[in-house]
Amino acid sequence: MAAAPTNKKVLVVEDNELNMKLFCDLLDAFGFQTVESRDGLKAVDLARQHKPDLIIMDIQLPEVSGLDLTRWIKDDTSINKIPIMAVTAFAMRQDERLVREAACEAYMSKPIQMMPFIDTVRKLTGPRTAPTSPPPRSAPPTSPRAYR
């Protein structure tokens, strides 16, 4: 049974068909809309076109590095606020540092675990609004009778 739609859109940039299916099926099952890109060179244009709430970025793409794509997205003021979660099958000690330097908001190694993956997606697609101020307190009574 699928979860209720979240009205949140996720761009998945992944060249491996099995991983693309896994990510999109999981996202769909938890109520997310997906946009797919198997071609890293088209990912920036798709991000501009669809304005997703999150980008899931494979960092090992054949045409261009996912880290380079992330830097290009973060340099584009029209889409640089979109959070990016990097995913890679080649999890090495330095990968997380490189991912953070590229300005990704999250990092996950493949094979992914379902609930940590969905929890991270939910966290990154949560509200991106500034906290609201508390309502103003009412002014104290001005009549001397109110203090008796």
C-alpha atoms as a PDB file:
ATOM      1  CA  MET A   1       0.000   0.000   0.000  1.00  0.00           C
ATOM      2  CA  ALA A   2       1.491   3.343  -1.078  1.00  0.00           C
ATOM      3  CA  ALA A   3       1.848   6.240   1.295  1.00  0.00           C
ATOM      4  CA  ALA A   4      -0.188   9.388   0.837  1.00  0.00           C
ATOM      5  CA  PRO A   5       1.346  11.775  -1.707  1.00  0.00           C
ATOM      6  CA  THR A   6       3.707  14.324  -0.193  1.00  0.00           C
ATOM      7  CA  ASN A   7       3.608  16.837  -3.081  1.00  0.00           C
ATOM      8  CA  LYS A   8       7.407  16.714  -2.861  1.00  0.00           C
ATOM      9  CA  LYS A   9       9.404  16.149  -6.030  1.00  0.00           C
ATOM     10  CA  VAL A  10      12.760  14.371  -6.173  1.00  0.00           C
ATOM     11  CA  LEU A  11      15.154  14.418  -9.127  1.00  0.00           C
ATOM     12  CA  VAL A  12      17.088  11.138  -9.264  1.00  0.00           C
ATOM     13  CA  VAL A  13      20.359  11.299 -11.224  1.00  0.00           C
ATOM     14  CA  GLU A  14      21.502   7.705 -11.649  1.00  0.00           C
ATOM     15  CA  ASP A  15      22.892   5.825 -14.672  1.00  0.00           C
ATOM     16  CA  ASN A  16      22.369   2.298 -13.302  1.00  0.00           C
ATOM     17  CA  GLU A  17      18.907   0.981 -14.223  1.00  0.00           C
ATOM     18  CA  LEU A  18      18.514  -1.223 -11.136  1.00  0.00           C
ATOM     19  CA  ASN A  19      19.456   1.596  -8.771  1.00  0.00           C
ATOM     20  CA  MET A  20      17.182   4.023 -10.619  1.00  0.00           C
ATOM     21  CA  LYS A  21      14.268   1.583 -10.277  1.00  0.00           C
ATOM     22  CA  LEU A  22      15.017   0.959  -6.599  1.00  0.00           C
ATOM     23  CA  PHE A  23      15.219   4.668  -5.741  1.00  0.00           C
ATOM     24  CA  CYS A  24      12.114   5.607  -7.713  1.00  0.00           C
ATOM     25  CA  ASP A  25      10.053   2.663  -6.437  1.00  0.00           C
ATOM     26  CA  LEU A  26      10.969   3.511  -2.830  1.00  0.00           C
ATOM     27  CA  LEU A  27      10.237   7.196  -3.300  1.00  0.00           C
ATOM     28  CA  ASP A  28       6.928   6.403  -5.002  1.00  0.00           C
ATOM     29  CA  ALA A  29       5.946   3.992  -2.224  1.00  0.00           C
ATOM     30  CA  PHE A  30       6.478   6.785   0.304  1.00  0.00           C
ATOM     31  CA  GLY A  31       4.453   9.327  -1.686  1.00  0.00           C
ATOM     32  CA  PHE A  32       7.178  11.274  -3.495  1.00  0.00           C
ATOM     33  CA  GLN A  33       7.011  12.315  -7.146  1.00  0.00           C
ATOM     34  CA  THR A  34      10.133  11.485  -9.147  1.00  0.00           C
ATOM     35  CA  VAL A  35      11.923  12.921 -12.147  1.00  0.00           C
ATOM     36  CA  GLU A  36      14.556  10.621 -13.645  1.00  0.00           C
ATOM     37  CA  SER A  37      17.846  11.485 -15.309  1.00  0.00           C
ATOM     38  CA  ARG A  38      20.180   8.779 -16.530  1.00  0.00           C
ATOM     39  CA  ASP A  39      22.328  11.407 -18.238  1.00  0.00           C
ATOM     40  CA  GLY A  40      24.284  13.616 -15.873  1.00  0.00           C
ATOM     41  CA  LEU A  41      24.684  16.311 -18.509  1.00  0.00           C
ATOM     42  CA  LYS A  42      20.901  16.799 -18.586  1.00  0.00           C
ATOM     43  CA  ALA A  43      20.492  16.899 -14.793  1.00  0.00           C
ATOM     44  CA  VAL A  44      21.121  20.637 -14.381  1.00  0.00           C
ATOM     45  CA  ASP A  45      18.522  21.492 -17.048  1.00  0.00           C
ATOM     46  CA  LEU A  46      16.018  19.105 -15.446  1.00  0.00           C
ATOM     47  CA  ALA A  47      16.623  20.731 -12.064  1.00  0.00           C
ATOM     48  CA  ARG A  48      15.956  24.169 -13.588  1.00  0.00           C
ATOM     49  CA  GLN A  49      12.834  22.900 -15.356  1.00  0.00           C
ATOM     50  CA  HIS A  50      11.241  20.906 -12.513  1.00  0.00           C
ATOM     51  CA  LYS A  51      12.552  22.736  -9.407  1.00  0.00           C
ATOM     52  CA  PRO A  52      12.627  19.541  -7.296  1.00  0.00           C
ATOM     53  CA  ASP A  53      12.596  19.575  -3.504  1.00  0.00           C
ATOM     54  CA  LEU A  54      15.632  17.260  -3.487  1.00  0.00           C
ATOM     55  CA  ILE A  55      18.219  15.872  -5.889  1.00  0.00           C
ATOM     56  CA  ILE A  56      19.599  12.369  -5.347  1.00  0.00           C
ATOM     57  CA  MET A  57      22.959  12.374  -7.112  1.00  0.00           C
ATOM     58  CA  ASP A  58      25.064   9.358  -8.037  1.00  0.00           C
ATOM     59  CA  ILE A  59      28.636  10.628  -7.801  1.00  0.00           C
ATOM     60  CA  GLN A  60      30.009   8.024 -10.251  1.00  0.00           C
ATOM     61  CA  LEU A  61      28.385   8.928 -13.585  1.00  0.00           C
ATOM     62  CA  PRO A  62      29.892   8.094 -16.986  1.00  0.00           C
ATOM     63  CA  GLU A  63      29.613  11.521 -18.654  1.00  0.00           C
ATOM     64  CA  VAL A  64      30.520  13.788 -15.751  1.00  0.00           C
ATOM     65  CA  SER A  65      31.218  13.456 -12.050  1.00  0.00           C
ATOM     66  CA  GLY A  66      28.216  13.854  -9.784  1.00  0.00           C
ATOM     67  CA  LEU A  67      30.422  16.085  -7.636  1.00  0.00           C
ATOM     68  CA  ASP A  68      31.012  18.402 -10.614  1.00  0.00           C
ATOM     69  CA  LEU A  69      27.260  18.437 -11.292  1.00  0.00           C
ATOM     70  CA  THR A  70      26.671  19.332  -7.650  1.00  0.00           C
ATOM     71  CA  ARG A  71      29.119  22.237  -7.899  1.00  0.00           C
ATOM     72  CA  TRP A  72      27.391  23.489 -11.083  1.00  0.00           C
ATOM     73  CA  ILE A  73      23.993  23.328  -9.369  1.00  0.00           C
ATOM     74  CA  LYS A  74      25.297  25.116  -6.272  1.00  0.00           C
ATOM     75  CA  ASP A  75      26.778  27.853  -8.516  1.00  0.00           C
ATOM     76  CA  ASP A  76      23.411  28.447 -10.238  1.00  0.00           C
ATOM     77  CA  THR A  77      21.373  30.923  -8.184  1.00  0.00           C
ATOM     78  CA  SER A  78      18.095  29.673  -9.678  1.00  0.00           C
ATOM     79  CA  ILE A  79      18.538  26.170  -8.189  1.00  0.00           C
ATOM     80  CA  ASN A  80      21.323  26.374  -5.591  1.00  0.00           C
ATOM     81  CA  LYS A  81      18.940  26.059  -2.619  1.00  0.00           C
ATOM     82  CA  ILE A  82      17.857  22.547  -3.659  1.00  0.00           C
ATOM     83  CA  PRO A  83      19.414  20.046  -1.235  1.00  0.00           C
ATOM     84  CA  ILE A  84      21.503  17.271  -2.764  1.00  0.00           C
ATOM     85  CA  MET A  85      21.991  13.789  -1.359  1.00  0.00           C
ATOM     86  CA  ALA A  86      25.032  12.070  -2.867  1.00  0.00           C
ATOM     87  CA  VAL A  87      25.008   8.299  -3.301  1.00  0.00           C
ATOM     88  CA  THR A  88      27.914   6.114  -4.342  1.00  0.00           C
ATOM     89  CA  ALA A  89      28.858   2.467  -4.557  1.00  0.00           C
ATOM     90  CA  PHE A  90      32.532   3.318  -4.090  1.00  0.00           C
ATOM     91  CA  ALA A  91      32.421   4.340  -0.447  1.00  0.00           C
ATOM     92  CA  MET A  92      35.932   5.204   0.580  1.00  0.00           C
ATOM     93  CA  ARG A  93      37.095   7.145   3.601  1.00  0.00           C
ATOM     94  CA  GLN A  94      37.742  10.312   1.578  1.00  0.00           C
ATOM     95  CA  ASP A  95      34.418  10.192  -0.318  1.00  0.00           C
ATOM     96  CA  GLU A  96      32.371  11.788   2.440  1.00  0.00           C
ATOM     97  CA  ARG A  97      34.870  14.646   2.730  1.00  0.00           C
ATOM     98  CA  LEU A  98      34.754  15.230  -1.046  1.00  0.00           C
ATOM     99  CA  VAL A  99      30.951  15.108  -1.008  1.00  0.00           C
ATOM    100  CA  ARG A 100      30.792  17.696   1.783  1.00  0.00           C
ATOM    101  CA  GLU A 101      33.312  19.915  -0.011  1.00  0.00           C
ATOM    102  CA  ALA A 102      31.066  19.834  -3.087  1.00  0.00           C
ATOM    103  CA  ALA A 103      28.253  21.178  -0.826  1.00  0.00           C
ATOM    104  CA  CYS A 104      26.030  18.089  -0.726  1.00  0.00           C
ATOM    105  CA  GLU A 105      23.708  18.138   2.271  1.00  0.00           C
ATOM    106  CA  ALA A 106      23.798  14.361   2.768  1.00  0.00           C
ATOM    107  CA  TYR A 107      25.780  11.291   1.748  1.00  0.00           C
ATOM    108  CA  MET A 108      24.767   7.656   1.541  1.00  0.00           C
ATOM    109  CA  SER A 109      26.704   4.620   0.337  1.00  0.00           C
ATOM    110  CA  LYS A 110      25.203   1.884  -1.816  1.00  0.00           C
ATOM    111  CA  PRO A 111      23.675  -0.519  -1.242  1.00  0.00           C
ATOM    112  CA  ILE A 112      21.265   1.753   0.571  1.00  0.00           C
ATOM    113  CA  GLN A 113      19.177   0.714   3.536  1.00  0.00           C
ATOM    114  CA  MET A 114      15.515   1.524   3.032  1.00  0.00           C
ATOM    115  CA  MET A 115      14.550   3.377   6.215  1.00  0.00           C
ATOM    116  CA  PRO A 116      17.739   5.457   6.611  1.00  0.00           C
ATOM    117  CA  PHE A 117      17.340   6.412   2.930  1.00  0.00           C
ATOM    118  CA  ILE A 118      13.685   7.465   3.348  1.00  0.00           C
ATOM    119  CA  ASP A 119      14.405   9.194   6.668  1.00  0.00           C
ATOM    120  CA  THR A 120      17.145  11.255   5.003  1.00  0.00           C
ATOM    121  CA  VAL A 121      14.864  12.091   2.065  1.00  0.00           C
ATOM    122  CA  ARG A 122      12.124  13.214   4.467  1.00  0.00           C
ATOM    123  CA  LYS A 123      14.556  15.330   6.464  1.00  0.00           C
ATOM    124  CA  LEU A 124      15.944  17.022   3.350  1.00  0.00           C
ATOM    125  CA  THR A 125      12.512  17.647   1.801  1.00  0.00           C
ATOM    126  CA  GLY A 126      11.024  19.037   4.993  1.00  0.00           C
ATOM    127  CA  PRO A 127       9.880  22.621   5.250  1.00  0.00           C
ATOM    128  CA  ARG A 128      12.497  25.121   4.176  1.00  0.00           C
ATOM    129  CA  THR A 129      10.871  28.162   5.685  1.00  0.00           C
ATOM    130  CA  ALA A 130      12.260  30.463   8.326  1.00  0.00           C
ATOM    131  CA  PRO A 131      10.952  29.858  11.825  1.00  0.00           C
ATOM    132  CA  THR A 132       7.979  31.998  12.653  1.00  0.00           C
ATOM    133  CA  SER A 133       8.073  34.540  15.445  1.00  0.00           C
ATOM    134  CA  PRO A 134       5.843  33.987  18.445  1.00  0.00           C
ATOM    135  CA  PRO A 135       2.681  36.081  18.412  1.00  0.00           C
ATOM    136  CA  PRO A 136       3.020  39.453  20.135  1.00  0.00           C
ATOM    137  CA  ARG A 137       2.035  39.450  23.781  1.00  0.00           C
ATOM    138  CA  SER A 138      -0.938  41.556  24.655  1.00  0.00           C
ATOM    139  CA  ALA A 139      -0.164  44.877  26.283  1.00  0.00           C
ATOM    140  CA  PRO A 140      -0.710  45.159  30.042  1.00  0.00           C
ATOM    141  CA  PRO A 141      -3.885  46.924  31.105  1.00  0.00           C
ATOM    142  CA  THR A 142      -3.560  50.673  31.326  1.00  0.00           C
ATOM    143  CA  SER A 143      -6.404  51.316  33.738  1.00  0.00           C
ATOM    144  CA  PRO A 144      -5.382  51.476  37.434  1.00  0.00           C
ATOM    145  CA  ARG A 145      -8.521  49.510  38.270  1.00  0.00           C
ATOM    146  CA  ALA A 146      -7.145  46.492  36.415  1.00  0.00           C
ATOM    147  CA  TYR A 147      -4.386  46.140  39.028  1.00  0.00           C
ATOM    148  CA  ARG A 148      -6.692  45.955  42.061  1.00  0.00           C
END
